Amino acid sequence: MTTKAGFALRGRNPDVLTCIANLSNDEVFTPPELANRMLDTLADVWAADNSGANIWADSSVKFLDPCTKSGVFLREITSRLTKGLVGEIPDLEERVNHILTKQVFGIGITYLTSLLARRSVYCSKHSNGKHSIAKGFKSDNGNIWFKRMEHTWVNGRCKFCGANVKILDRSEDLETHAYAFIHTQNITTRLVEFFGGDMQFDVIIGNPPYQLDDGGYGTSAAPIYHKFVEQTKALEPRYLSMIIPARWFAGGKGLDEFRKSMLTDNRLRSIDDFLSASDVFPGVGLKGGVCYFLWDRDYPGPCRVTTHFKDWPTSTVSRPLLEKGADVFIRFNEGLSILKKVMAAERGKATSMLLPENKRFDRLVSSRKPFGLETTFKGKINTKQTGDILVYRNGGTGYINRDSISTGNELIDKWKLFAGYAAPGTGNKDTYPHRIISTPFVGSPGTISSETYLCIGPFDTRTEAESVLSYLSCRLTRLLILLHKPSQHVTRKVYTFVPTQEWTRKWTDEDLYAKYGISAREIAFIQKVVRPMDLSGDAEDG
């Protein structure tokens, strides 16, 4: 088979990279369709910044994928350059060789993915193999490097990624997951080590590992994708584009500084937000959705934010990423307009997303373990003794002696609400409309809860407690919670945008829509996102 024929056959269907299985949820392969969406966004911005020029017709542009897995970004870039450079370099073999040796670079995250990426890009797992369509490489790596790295242990943790020495201090026949791109104090020197010379990349693009599965997966596994973003910014490419979990918008373990740096960085030119990860990663359970962004080193301005969800019409607005008074990214464009109306009514003007101190509902919400009892607490079952109080716990109720409680005593003899710390859901899928929070219920004086529930109160009368209960059942209230809610956990902080009301009546959505001037279009949006809540016994997940 000739080189020309071998390269041409790469466009045949079916494309193997559309059906490759993911190794894990923290290292997700990128479907070709998604890679091409990101490349289209890049090409449009390049043209806008360069008088309509075609980035794929520029033989000097250098591209890097610092976390390559299947090699799909490098393959699609190569394919586009092969078409775009036909006028400048007519000979196909010469053109492909120029692209692969001068323009396209990658760093494998594991030994296996480096072989897969070379196979996708060079048509050979060895860049200098006899079947490789690249000519002139002296090493097996070519421009897609992998080198086994070791963690740097300090007090039982890797100082670069936080890995646990007990889990990932491994023998040479096992993968360390010490990713080369982030396990260095000087990324410029690392790139010289890999590629030689002074490597200045125009475009850095990729899909980094999402979290470090070092034994805490599903419970306390730490995100790692932000370290790739931060390291890439240190290289100051002209453009940076990555697809990452969207949880950083409002939460995520250890992401406070990353969120602040991203939301105050006016070089973020666009964010495409997918409410459901399965819309771009079929079959992948990644709660909270994903986003891809384009960072433009020389662009100071508002960000174009586009929201995607299944068959909903896409919503695009150019706006600041961080609204005054907010410490999170307000995810829905329609939600932002609703929030501004609420703030305007509560503050007298909508110049800030921060409620007045006397209007903050979150001040009524307890922290985790409101009475100091763990989720695993069972208590006495069906045996109430003198001095015991009722405990709402995971799976039912129990009793505990009142003298054993040292936290939250001011709430025991008051009316209150209990609301689940973990919201109901549908496994790892993001579905709408859903309830946002589990159904709260009234707690009478003499009752407490384990960590399974947060406590809302205190209130002097049952009437007040039931007024608050009706308020939390309203769709608008729960939308305001959603705007600050990064995951299934319903902490005190997610109530930041919720104002207090007069607790003398039953509240309905119609009351709240009238109070805040919510338009018919905004109501339709709320109804698409938030499911009704039946306080008489809503046990359905959502």
Protein backbone atom coordinates (compact mmCIF):
# COMPACT_ATOMS: atom_id res chain seq x y z
CA MET A 1 0.00 0.00 0.00
CA THR A 2 1.42 3.41 -0.90
CA THR A 3 1.78 6.25 1.58
CA LYS A 4 -0.77 8.24 -0.39
CA ALA A 5 -3.31 5.43 -0.33
CA GLY A 6 -2.64 4.67 3.34
CA PHE A 7 -3.27 8.25 4.36
CA ALA A 8 -6.36 8.58 2.19
CA LEU A 9 -7.94 5.49 3.77
CA ARG A 10 -7.96 7.23 7.15
CA GLY A 11 -11.14 8.98 6.13
CA ARG A 12 -13.08 5.72 5.75
CA ASN A 13 -16.12 4.87 7.84
CA PRO A 14 -16.63 3.52 10.37
CA ASP A 15 -14.10 5.51 12.33
CA VAL A 16 -12.58 3.30 15.03
CA LEU A 17 -12.24 6.30 17.36
CA THR A 18 -16.03 6.69 17.46
CA CYS A 19 -16.42 3.29 19.10
CA ILE A 20 -13.40 2.97 21.36
CA ALA A 21 -14.29 2.20 24.97
CA ASN A 22 -13.17 4.46 27.80
CA LEU A 23 -10.55 3.13 30.19
CA SER A 24 -12.27 4.81 33.14
CA ASN A 25 -14.44 7.82 34.02
CA ASP A 26 -11.37 9.86 34.92
CA GLU A 27 -9.66 9.27 31.56
CA VAL A 28 -12.37 9.70 28.96
CA PHE A 29 -11.65 9.33 25.24
CA THR A 30 -12.79 12.22 23.06
CA PRO A 31 -15.26 11.38 20.26
CA PRO A 32 -14.16 12.75 16.85
CA GLU A 33 -17.36 14.82 16.59
CA LEU A 34 -16.53 16.67 19.80
CA ALA A 35 -12.91 17.21 18.78
CA ASN A 36 -14.11 18.73 15.52
CA ARG A 37 -16.54 21.04 17.32
CA MET A 38 -13.65 22.40 19.34
CA LEU A 39 -11.48 22.75 16.24
CA ASP A 40 -14.29 24.60 14.43
CA THR A 41 -14.49 27.07 17.33
CA LEU A 42 -10.73 27.57 17.15
CA ALA A 43 -10.81 28.10 13.37
CA ASP A 44 -13.58 30.70 13.63
CA VAL A 45 -11.68 32.72 16.24
CA TRP A 46 -8.42 32.48 14.27
CA ALA A 47 -10.21 33.83 11.18
CA ALA A 48 -11.79 36.65 13.20
CA ASP A 49 -8.40 37.63 14.59
CA ASN A 50 -6.48 37.29 11.31
CA SER A 51 -8.60 39.05 8.69
CA GLY A 52 -10.42 35.91 7.67
CA ALA A 53 -7.30 33.74 7.33
CA ASN A 54 -7.61 29.95 7.39
CA ILE A 55 -5.60 28.44 10.23
CA TRP A 56 -5.41 25.14 8.33
CA ALA A 57 -3.61 26.87 5.46
CA ASP A 58 -0.78 28.14 7.68
CA SER A 59 2.29 25.88 7.63
CA SER A 60 3.93 27.69 10.58
CA VAL A 61 1.28 27.07 13.26
CA LYS A 62 2.32 24.60 15.97
CA PHE A 63 -0.23 22.48 17.85
CA LEU A 64 0.18 20.54 21.11
CA ASP A 65 -2.08 18.04 22.85
CA PRO A 66 -0.43 17.69 26.30
CA CYS A 67 -2.73 14.89 27.44
CA THR A 68 -3.29 12.78 24.36
CA LYS A 69 -5.13 9.48 24.68
CA SER A 70 -6.58 8.27 21.39
CA GLY A 71 -4.78 10.95 19.37
CA VAL A 72 -8.05 12.23 17.96
CA PHE A 73 -7.19 15.94 18.22
CA LEU A 74 -3.84 15.43 16.49
CA ARG A 75 -5.40 13.22 13.84
CA GLU A 76 -8.16 15.71 13.01
CA ILE A 77 -5.71 18.62 13.01
CA THR A 78 -3.45 16.68 10.62
CA SER A 79 -6.40 15.91 8.35
CA ARG A 80 -7.43 19.58 8.21
CA LEU A 81 -3.89 20.78 7.57
CA THR A 82 -3.47 18.19 4.83
CA LYS A 83 -6.38 19.76 2.96
CA GLY A 84 -5.55 23.36 3.85
CA LEU A 85 -1.88 23.28 2.81
CA VAL A 86 -2.40 21.72 -0.61
CA GLY A 87 -1.76 25.06 -2.31
CA GLU A 88 1.50 25.74 -0.45
CA ILE A 89 2.84 22.16 -0.49
CA PRO A 90 1.27 20.33 -3.47
CA ASP A 91 3.02 16.98 -2.98
CA LEU A 92 0.95 14.88 -0.52
CA GLU A 93 3.83 12.95 1.00
CA GLU A 94 5.92 16.10 1.49
CA ARG A 95 2.90 17.93 2.91
CA VAL A 96 2.00 15.20 5.40
CA ASN A 97 5.61 14.83 6.47
CA HIS A 98 5.90 18.60 7.10
CA ILE A 99 2.73 18.57 9.20
CA LEU A 100 3.74 15.59 11.30
CA THR A 101 7.34 16.65 11.91
CA LYS A 102 6.91 20.44 12.21
CA GLN A 103 3.37 21.24 13.31
CA VAL A 104 1.71 18.48 15.35
CA PHE A 105 2.92 17.43 18.81
CA GLY A 106 1.51 15.38 21.67
CA ILE A 107 2.31 13.97 25.11
CA GLY A 108 0.78 10.59 25.97
CA ILE A 109 -0.74 10.25 29.43
CA THR A 110 0.15 6.54 29.61
CA TYR A 111 2.33 4.16 27.63
CA LEU A 112 -0.76 2.50 26.14
CA THR A 113 -2.35 5.77 25.01
CA SER A 114 0.93 6.94 23.46
CA LEU A 115 0.93 3.82 21.25
CA LEU A 116 -2.72 4.36 20.39
CA ALA A 117 -2.13 8.03 19.53
CA ARG A 118 0.80 7.22 17.24
CA ARG A 119 -1.29 4.59 15.54
CA SER A 120 -4.03 7.18 14.95
CA VAL A 121 -1.66 9.88 13.66
CA TYR A 122 1.29 8.06 12.08
CA CYS A 123 -0.61 4.86 11.14
CA SER A 124 2.05 3.05 13.16
CA LYS A 125 2.69 2.69 16.88
CA HIS A 126 6.33 3.51 16.08
CA SER A 127 6.86 6.84 14.32
CA ASN A 128 9.88 5.44 12.48
CA GLY A 129 8.29 2.07 11.65
CA LYS A 130 8.01 0.86 8.08
CA HIS A 131 4.25 1.57 7.98
CA SER A 132 4.55 5.10 9.38
CA ILE A 133 3.38 7.87 7.06
CA ALA A 134 5.89 10.23 8.73
CA LYS A 135 9.42 10.26 7.36
CA GLY A 136 12.59 11.44 9.07
CA PHE A 137 11.90 10.59 12.71
CA LYS A 138 14.84 8.91 14.41
CA SER A 139 13.01 7.76 17.55
CA ASP A 140 9.95 5.56 18.08
CA ASN A 141 8.20 8.48 19.78
CA GLY A 142 8.33 10.95 16.92
CA ASN A 143 6.45 14.03 18.12
CA ILE A 144 4.11 12.02 20.36
CA TRP A 145 6.10 11.50 23.50
CA PHE A 146 5.66 9.32 26.51
CA LYS A 147 8.15 8.90 29.31
CA ARG A 148 7.37 7.14 32.55
CA MET A 149 7.39 9.61 35.42
CA GLU A 150 7.50 9.02 39.15
CA HIS A 151 5.63 10.97 41.80
CA THR A 152 7.55 13.21 44.19
CA TRP A 153 6.45 12.15 47.65
CA VAL A 154 6.24 14.66 50.49
CA ASN A 155 4.54 13.51 53.72
CA GLY A 156 2.77 10.69 51.92
CA ARG A 157 1.46 12.80 49.01
CA CYS A 158 2.84 13.80 45.62
CA LYS A 159 3.71 17.49 45.72
CA PHE A 160 2.58 17.93 42.11
CA CYS A 161 -0.74 16.09 41.96
CA GLY A 162 -1.58 15.04 45.52
CA ALA A 163 -1.50 11.28 44.81
CA ASN A 164 -1.45 8.94 47.80
CA VAL A 165 1.90 7.16 48.23
CA LYS A 166 0.13 4.04 49.53
CA ILE A 167 -1.82 3.68 46.28
CA LEU A 168 0.40 4.95 43.49
CA ASP A 169 3.96 4.19 44.62
CA ARG A 170 4.03 1.28 42.19
CA SER A 171 6.40 -1.17 40.53
CA GLU A 172 7.74 -0.50 37.04
CA ASP A 173 5.25 -2.87 35.41
CA LEU A 174 2.30 -0.74 36.59
CA GLU A 175 1.22 2.71 35.42
CA THR A 176 1.99 5.45 37.94
CA HIS A 177 -0.42 8.09 36.56
CA ALA A 178 2.34 10.64 37.18
CA TYR A 179 1.48 12.67 34.11
CA ALA A 180 4.58 14.22 32.54
CA PHE A 181 2.96 17.56 31.68
CA ILE A 182 2.12 18.47 35.27
CA HIS A 183 4.88 16.68 37.20
CA THR A 184 7.49 19.35 36.75
CA GLN A 185 8.33 22.74 38.20
CA ASN A 186 9.50 24.02 34.82
CA ILE A 187 7.24 23.03 31.96
CA THR A 188 9.36 24.88 29.39
CA THR A 189 12.39 22.75 30.27
CA ARG A 190 10.23 19.60 30.12
CA LEU A 191 9.12 20.42 26.57
CA VAL A 192 12.71 21.03 25.49
CA GLU A 193 13.54 17.62 26.96
CA PHE A 194 10.79 16.01 24.90
CA PHE A 195 10.89 17.91 21.62
CA GLY A 196 14.21 19.79 21.59
CA GLY A 197 14.76 23.48 20.89
CA ASP A 198 12.60 26.39 22.02
CA MET A 199 9.05 25.11 21.66
CA GLN A 200 6.48 27.90 21.48
CA PHE A 201 3.05 26.53 20.64
CA ASP A 202 0.37 28.59 18.96
CA VAL A 203 -2.46 26.24 19.95
CA ILE A 204 -2.71 23.85 22.91
CA ILE A 205 -5.79 21.67 22.88
CA GLY A 206 -6.91 18.53 24.66
CA ASN A 207 -9.05 16.53 27.05
CA PRO A 208 -7.10 16.07 30.31
CA PRO A 209 -7.62 13.35 32.93
CA TYR A 210 -10.47 14.49 35.15
CA GLN A 211 -9.61 13.14 38.58
CA LEU A 212 -6.96 11.16 40.35
CA ASP A 213 -8.47 7.79 41.17
CA ASP A 214 -6.09 6.87 43.97
CA GLY A 215 -8.53 4.89 46.03
CA GLY A 216 -11.12 7.59 46.73
CA TYR A 217 -13.12 7.31 43.50
CA GLY A 218 -16.76 8.07 44.08
CA THR A 219 -16.16 9.37 47.59
CA SER A 220 -13.16 11.64 47.86
CA ALA A 221 -11.24 11.38 44.57
CA ALA A 222 -9.61 14.72 43.84
CA PRO A 223 -9.93 16.60 40.52
CA ILE A 224 -6.75 16.95 38.49
CA TYR A 225 -7.88 18.58 35.22
CA HIS A 226 -7.30 22.09 36.56
CA LYS A 227 -3.58 21.38 36.90
CA PHE A 228 -3.36 20.81 33.13
CA VAL A 229 -5.16 24.11 32.48
CA GLU A 230 -2.88 26.02 34.85
CA GLN A 231 0.26 24.45 33.40
CA THR A 232 -0.86 25.27 29.87
CA LYS A 233 -1.48 28.91 30.72
CA ALA A 234 2.11 29.09 32.02
CA LEU A 235 3.28 28.31 28.46
CA GLU A 236 1.33 31.32 27.12
CA PRO A 237 0.12 29.78 23.86
CA ARG A 238 -1.84 31.99 21.51
CA TYR A 239 -4.93 29.85 22.08
CA LEU A 240 -5.86 27.20 24.64
CA SER A 241 -8.91 24.94 24.40
CA MET A 242 -9.78 22.05 26.73
CA ILE A 243 -12.87 20.06 27.60
CA ILE A 244 -13.28 19.55 31.34
CA PRO A 245 -16.03 18.76 33.88
CA ALA A 246 -18.30 21.75 34.50
CA ARG A 247 -18.29 21.24 38.26
CA TRP A 248 -15.63 23.93 38.65
CA PHE A 249 -18.32 26.54 37.90
CA ALA A 250 -19.56 26.41 41.48
CA GLY A 251 -17.77 23.69 43.47
CA GLY A 252 -15.33 20.81 43.32
CA LYS A 253 -12.81 19.58 45.86
CA GLY A 254 -9.81 21.92 46.05
CA LEU A 255 -10.98 24.07 43.13
CA ASP A 256 -11.62 27.39 44.88
CA GLU A 257 -8.44 29.06 43.63
CA PHE A 258 -8.84 27.61 40.15
CA ARG A 259 -12.44 28.84 39.95
CA LYS A 260 -11.43 32.31 41.07
CA SER A 261 -8.57 32.49 38.54
CA MET A 262 -10.79 31.32 35.69
CA LEU A 263 -13.75 33.55 36.48
CA THR A 264 -11.56 36.65 36.80
CA ASP A 265 -9.58 35.89 33.62
CA ASN A 266 -11.05 38.02 30.84
CA ARG A 267 -9.03 36.08 28.25
CA LEU A 268 -11.65 33.32 28.31
CA ARG A 269 -13.26 34.02 24.97
CA SER A 270 -15.93 31.34 24.89
CA ILE A 271 -17.44 28.55 26.96
CA ASP A 272 -19.66 25.85 25.47
CA ASP A 273 -21.53 24.30 28.36
CA PHE A 274 -23.18 20.87 28.05
CA LEU A 275 -25.62 20.22 30.87
CA SER A 276 -25.42 16.48 30.23
CA ALA A 277 -22.03 14.87 29.61
CA SER A 278 -23.71 12.05 27.69
CA ASP A 279 -24.60 14.54 24.95
CA VAL A 280 -20.93 14.64 23.92
CA PHE A 281 -19.55 11.53 25.67
CA PRO A 282 -22.11 8.82 24.90
CA GLY A 283 -22.44 6.32 27.71
CA VAL A 284 -20.25 8.26 30.15
CA GLY A 285 -21.68 8.91 33.61
CA LEU A 286 -20.26 12.28 34.60
CA LYS A 287 -22.60 14.15 36.94
CA GLY A 288 -22.79 17.90 36.46
CA GLY A 289 -22.04 18.06 32.75
CA VAL A 290 -18.95 19.21 30.89
CA CYS A 291 -17.74 22.31 29.11
CA TYR A 292 -15.08 23.23 26.62
CA PHE A 293 -13.54 26.66 26.63
CA LEU A 294 -11.37 28.75 24.34
CA TRP A 295 -8.77 30.94 26.06
CA ASP A 296 -7.24 33.68 23.92
CA ARG A 297 -4.01 35.16 25.24
CA ASP A 298 -4.54 38.51 23.50
CA TYR A 299 -8.29 38.90 24.05
CA PRO A 300 -9.61 41.15 26.84
CA GLY A 301 -13.37 41.11 26.81
CA PRO A 302 -16.63 39.39 27.74
CA CYS A 303 -17.08 35.66 27.26
CA ARG A 304 -19.48 34.07 24.78
CA VAL A 305 -21.42 31.52 26.84
CA THR A 306 -23.45 28.87 25.00
CA THR A 307 -25.66 26.34 26.80
CA HIS A 308 -26.41 22.98 25.15
CA PHE A 309 -28.86 20.32 26.31
CA LYS A 310 -30.31 17.58 24.14
CA ASP A 311 -33.00 19.02 21.85
CA TRP A 312 -33.36 22.35 23.66
CA PRO A 313 -32.58 25.44 21.56
CA THR A 314 -29.03 26.58 22.28
CA SER A 315 -28.71 29.78 24.28
CA THR A 316 -25.79 32.14 23.61
CA VAL A 317 -24.98 35.35 25.49
CA SER A 318 -21.80 37.43 25.76
CA ARG A 319 -21.32 38.31 29.42
CA PRO A 320 -18.80 38.56 32.26
CA LEU A 321 -18.06 35.21 33.84
CA LEU A 322 -18.20 36.58 37.37
CA GLU A 323 -21.14 38.76 38.31
CA LYS A 324 -20.57 41.34 41.03
CA GLY A 325 -21.17 39.84 44.46
CA ALA A 326 -21.11 36.24 43.17
CA ASP A 327 -18.36 33.73 43.81
CA VAL A 328 -19.54 31.15 41.25
CA PHE A 329 -20.31 31.07 37.55
CA ILE A 330 -24.06 31.42 37.03
CA ARG A 331 -24.59 28.60 34.61
CA PHE A 332 -27.84 29.21 32.76
CA ASN A 333 -28.11 32.36 30.66
CA GLU A 334 -31.86 32.42 31.33
CA GLY A 335 -31.16 31.80 35.00
CA LEU A 336 -28.98 34.90 35.18
CA SER A 337 -31.80 37.15 33.96
CA ILE A 338 -34.13 35.66 36.59
CA LEU A 339 -31.55 36.04 39.35
CA LYS A 340 -31.02 39.69 38.43
CA LYS A 341 -34.74 40.34 38.83
CA VAL A 342 -34.75 38.70 42.25
CA MET A 343 -31.73 40.71 43.38
CA ALA A 344 -33.18 43.95 42.03
CA ALA A 345 -36.35 43.41 44.05
CA GLU A 346 -34.47 42.49 47.25
CA ARG A 347 -31.72 45.12 47.00
CA GLY A 348 -33.58 47.92 45.24
CA LYS A 349 -31.18 47.50 42.30
CA ALA A 350 -29.42 44.58 40.60
CA THR A 351 -25.86 45.85 40.83
CA SER A 352 -24.80 42.85 42.92
CA MET A 353 -25.66 39.17 43.28
CA LEU A 354 -25.15 39.41 47.05
CA LEU A 355 -28.30 39.53 49.16
CA PRO A 356 -28.58 41.96 52.08
CA GLU A 357 -27.60 40.29 55.35
CA ASN A 358 -31.14 40.35 56.71
CA LYS A 359 -32.52 38.64 53.59
CA ARG A 360 -30.15 35.66 53.40
CA PHE A 361 -31.95 32.34 53.63
CA ASP A 362 -28.64 30.47 53.98
CA ARG A 363 -28.36 31.90 57.50
CA LEU A 364 -31.26 29.61 58.43
CA VAL A 365 -29.50 26.49 57.13
CA SER A 366 -27.22 24.41 59.32
CA SER A 367 -23.80 23.08 58.42
CA ARG A 368 -23.24 19.34 58.01
CA LYS A 369 -23.89 17.22 61.09
CA PRO A 370 -26.21 19.83 62.69
CA PHE A 371 -26.37 17.79 65.90
CA GLY A 372 -22.95 16.14 65.69
CA LEU A 373 -24.25 12.71 64.59
CA GLU A 374 -22.64 10.80 61.69
CA THR A 375 -24.61 9.38 58.76
CA THR A 376 -23.98 5.91 60.14
CA PHE A 377 -25.76 6.72 63.43
CA LYS A 378 -28.59 4.30 64.20
CA GLY A 379 -29.53 5.03 67.83
CA LYS A 380 -32.01 3.08 69.87
CA ILE A 381 -34.65 1.44 67.73
CA ASN A 382 -38.25 1.38 69.01
CA THR A 383 -37.06 1.84 72.61
CA LYS A 384 -37.66 5.31 73.92
CA GLN A 385 -36.51 5.95 77.47
CA THR A 386 -36.84 8.94 79.76
CA GLY A 387 -34.79 11.84 78.41
CA ASP A 388 -34.60 10.43 74.85
CA ILE A 389 -35.36 12.48 71.76
CA LEU A 390 -36.30 11.34 68.26
CA VAL A 391 -33.56 11.24 65.61
CA TYR A 392 -34.31 11.27 61.88
CA ARG A 393 -31.52 9.17 60.41
CA ASN A 394 -30.57 7.29 57.26
CA GLY A 395 -33.23 4.65 56.71
CA GLY A 396 -35.68 5.71 59.38
CA THR A 397 -35.70 6.97 62.96
CA GLY A 398 -34.05 6.17 66.26
CA TYR A 399 -33.67 7.61 69.75
CA ILE A 400 -30.79 9.12 71.69
CA ASN A 401 -30.52 10.58 75.16
CA ARG A 402 -30.76 14.36 75.03
CA ASP A 403 -27.70 14.77 77.27
CA SER A 404 -25.57 13.09 74.57
CA ILE A 405 -26.12 16.04 72.19
CA SER A 406 -23.56 18.81 72.46
CA THR A 407 -24.17 20.59 69.12
CA GLY A 408 -27.29 22.33 67.87
CA ASN A 409 -29.02 22.41 71.25
CA GLU A 410 -30.72 25.72 70.39
CA LEU A 411 -32.67 23.88 67.65
CA ILE A 412 -33.93 20.91 69.63
CA ASP A 413 -36.99 22.54 71.21
CA LYS A 414 -37.92 24.62 68.15
CA TRP A 415 -39.88 23.94 65.00
CA LYS A 416 -37.59 23.30 62.04
CA LEU A 417 -37.31 21.64 58.65
CA PHE A 418 -35.11 18.71 57.72
CA ALA A 419 -33.73 18.49 54.17
CA GLY A 420 -31.54 15.75 52.76
CA TYR A 421 -27.81 16.51 52.44
CA ALA A 422 -27.71 14.47 49.22
CA ALA A 423 -30.28 15.43 46.60
CA PRO A 424 -32.23 12.75 44.72
CA GLY A 425 -30.93 11.88 41.31
CA THR A 426 -30.90 9.41 38.45
CA GLY A 427 -27.55 7.72 38.93
CA ASN A 428 -24.83 9.41 36.96
CA LYS A 429 -27.18 10.98 34.43
CA ASP A 430 -28.19 14.63 34.27
CA THR A 431 -31.90 14.83 33.55
CA TYR A 432 -34.27 17.78 33.46
CA PRO A 433 -36.62 18.71 34.92
CA HIS A 434 -35.58 17.48 38.36
CA ARG A 435 -36.32 18.48 41.91
CA ILE A 436 -32.91 19.97 42.81
CA ILE A 437 -33.37 19.04 46.49
CA SER A 438 -34.96 16.12 48.30
CA THR A 439 -38.41 16.78 49.72
CA PRO A 440 -38.04 18.64 53.05
CA PHE A 441 -40.28 17.84 55.99
CA VAL A 442 -41.27 19.57 59.23
CA GLY A 443 -39.53 18.61 62.46
CA SER A 444 -41.42 19.29 65.66
CA PRO A 445 -39.86 20.39 68.95
CA GLY A 446 -37.93 17.51 70.53
CA THR A 447 -36.58 16.11 67.25
CA ILE A 448 -33.10 16.15 65.72
CA SER A 449 -31.30 14.45 62.81
CA SER A 450 -28.12 12.69 61.84
CA GLU A 451 -25.74 13.96 59.14
CA THR A 452 -28.17 12.55 56.56
CA TYR A 453 -30.13 15.82 56.86
CA LEU A 454 -29.45 19.52 57.20
CA CYS A 455 -31.60 21.46 59.61
CA ILE A 456 -33.40 24.67 58.56
CA GLY A 457 -34.60 26.93 61.36
CA PRO A 458 -35.31 27.61 64.15
CA PHE A 459 -38.95 28.72 63.98
CA ASP A 460 -41.28 29.57 66.84
CA THR A 461 -44.46 28.07 65.36
CA ARG A 462 -45.56 25.28 63.08
CA THR A 463 -47.15 27.93 60.83
CA GLU A 464 -43.75 29.48 60.17
CA ALA A 465 -42.15 26.10 59.47
CA GLU A 466 -44.92 25.16 57.05
CA SER A 467 -44.58 28.54 55.32
CA VAL A 468 -40.89 27.82 54.70
CA LEU A 469 -41.77 24.32 53.53
CA SER A 470 -44.17 25.72 50.94
CA TYR A 471 -41.48 28.18 49.82
CA LEU A 472 -38.94 25.41 49.24
CA SER A 473 -41.47 23.48 47.20
CA CYS A 474 -41.73 26.38 44.73
CA ARG A 475 -39.92 25.91 41.43
CA LEU A 476 -38.44 29.41 41.45
CA THR A 477 -36.89 28.87 44.89
CA ARG A 478 -35.30 25.64 43.76
CA LEU A 479 -34.00 27.24 40.56
CA LEU A 480 -32.16 29.78 42.73
CA ILE A 481 -30.66 26.84 44.63
CA LEU A 482 -29.62 25.18 41.36
CA LEU A 483 -27.73 28.30 40.24
CA HIS A 484 -25.29 27.75 43.13
CA LYS A 485 -25.35 23.93 43.24
CA PRO A 486 -22.34 22.13 41.70
CA SER A 487 -23.20 18.54 42.61
CA GLN A 488 -25.77 16.31 44.30
CA HIS A 489 -24.71 17.63 47.72
CA VAL A 490 -27.05 20.29 49.09
CA THR A 491 -24.88 22.28 51.47
CA ARG A 492 -25.71 25.53 53.24
CA LYS A 493 -23.81 27.38 50.51
CA VAL A 494 -26.20 26.39 47.71
CA TYR A 495 -28.87 28.61 49.33
CA THR A 496 -26.72 31.72 48.78
CA PHE A 497 -29.02 33.21 46.13
CA VAL A 498 -32.26 32.42 47.98
CA PRO A 499 -33.90 35.38 49.78
CA THR A 500 -36.02 35.04 52.88
CA GLN A 501 -39.73 35.86 52.81
CA GLU A 502 -42.44 36.65 55.36
CA TRP A 503 -43.21 33.33 57.03
CA THR A 504 -46.88 34.06 57.65
CA ARG A 505 -48.46 32.36 54.62
CA LYS A 506 -48.26 29.46 52.18
CA TRP A 507 -46.13 30.39 49.18
CA THR A 508 -46.82 29.46 45.56
CA ASP A 509 -44.87 29.99 42.38
CA GLU A 510 -47.56 32.35 41.16
CA ASP A 511 -46.91 34.54 44.20
CA LEU A 512 -43.17 34.57 43.54
CA TYR A 513 -43.49 35.13 39.79
CA ALA A 514 -45.68 38.17 40.48
CA LYS A 515 -43.39 39.52 43.21
CA TYR A 516 -40.27 39.34 41.04
CA GLY A 517 -41.78 40.14 37.64
CA ILE A 518 -40.84 36.82 36.04
CA SER A 519 -41.82 36.77 32.36
CA ALA A 520 -43.75 34.03 30.55
CA ARG A 521 -40.57 33.00 28.73
CA GLU A 522 -38.66 32.79 32.00
CA ILE A 523 -41.46 30.75 33.58
CA ALA A 524 -41.28 28.32 30.66
CA PHE A 525 -37.55 27.95 31.27
CA ILE A 526 -38.07 27.30 34.99
CA GLN A 527 -40.64 24.63 34.18
CA LYS A 528 -38.19 22.92 31.81
CA VAL A 529 -35.51 22.77 34.47
CA VAL A 530 -37.33 22.26 37.78
CA ARG A 531 -39.84 19.51 38.48
CA PRO A 532 -42.93 20.17 40.63
CA MET A 533 -42.64 18.96 44.22
CA ASP A 534 -45.57 17.16 45.84
CA LEU A 535 -45.32 17.71 49.59
CA SER A 536 -47.90 15.02 50.24
CA GLY A 537 -45.38 12.29 49.42
CA ASP A 538 -43.05 12.91 46.47
CA ALA A 539 -40.81 9.88 46.55
CA GLU A 540 -39.89 9.83 42.86
CA ASP A 541 -36.26 10.46 41.94
CA GLY A 542 -35.49 13.40 39.70
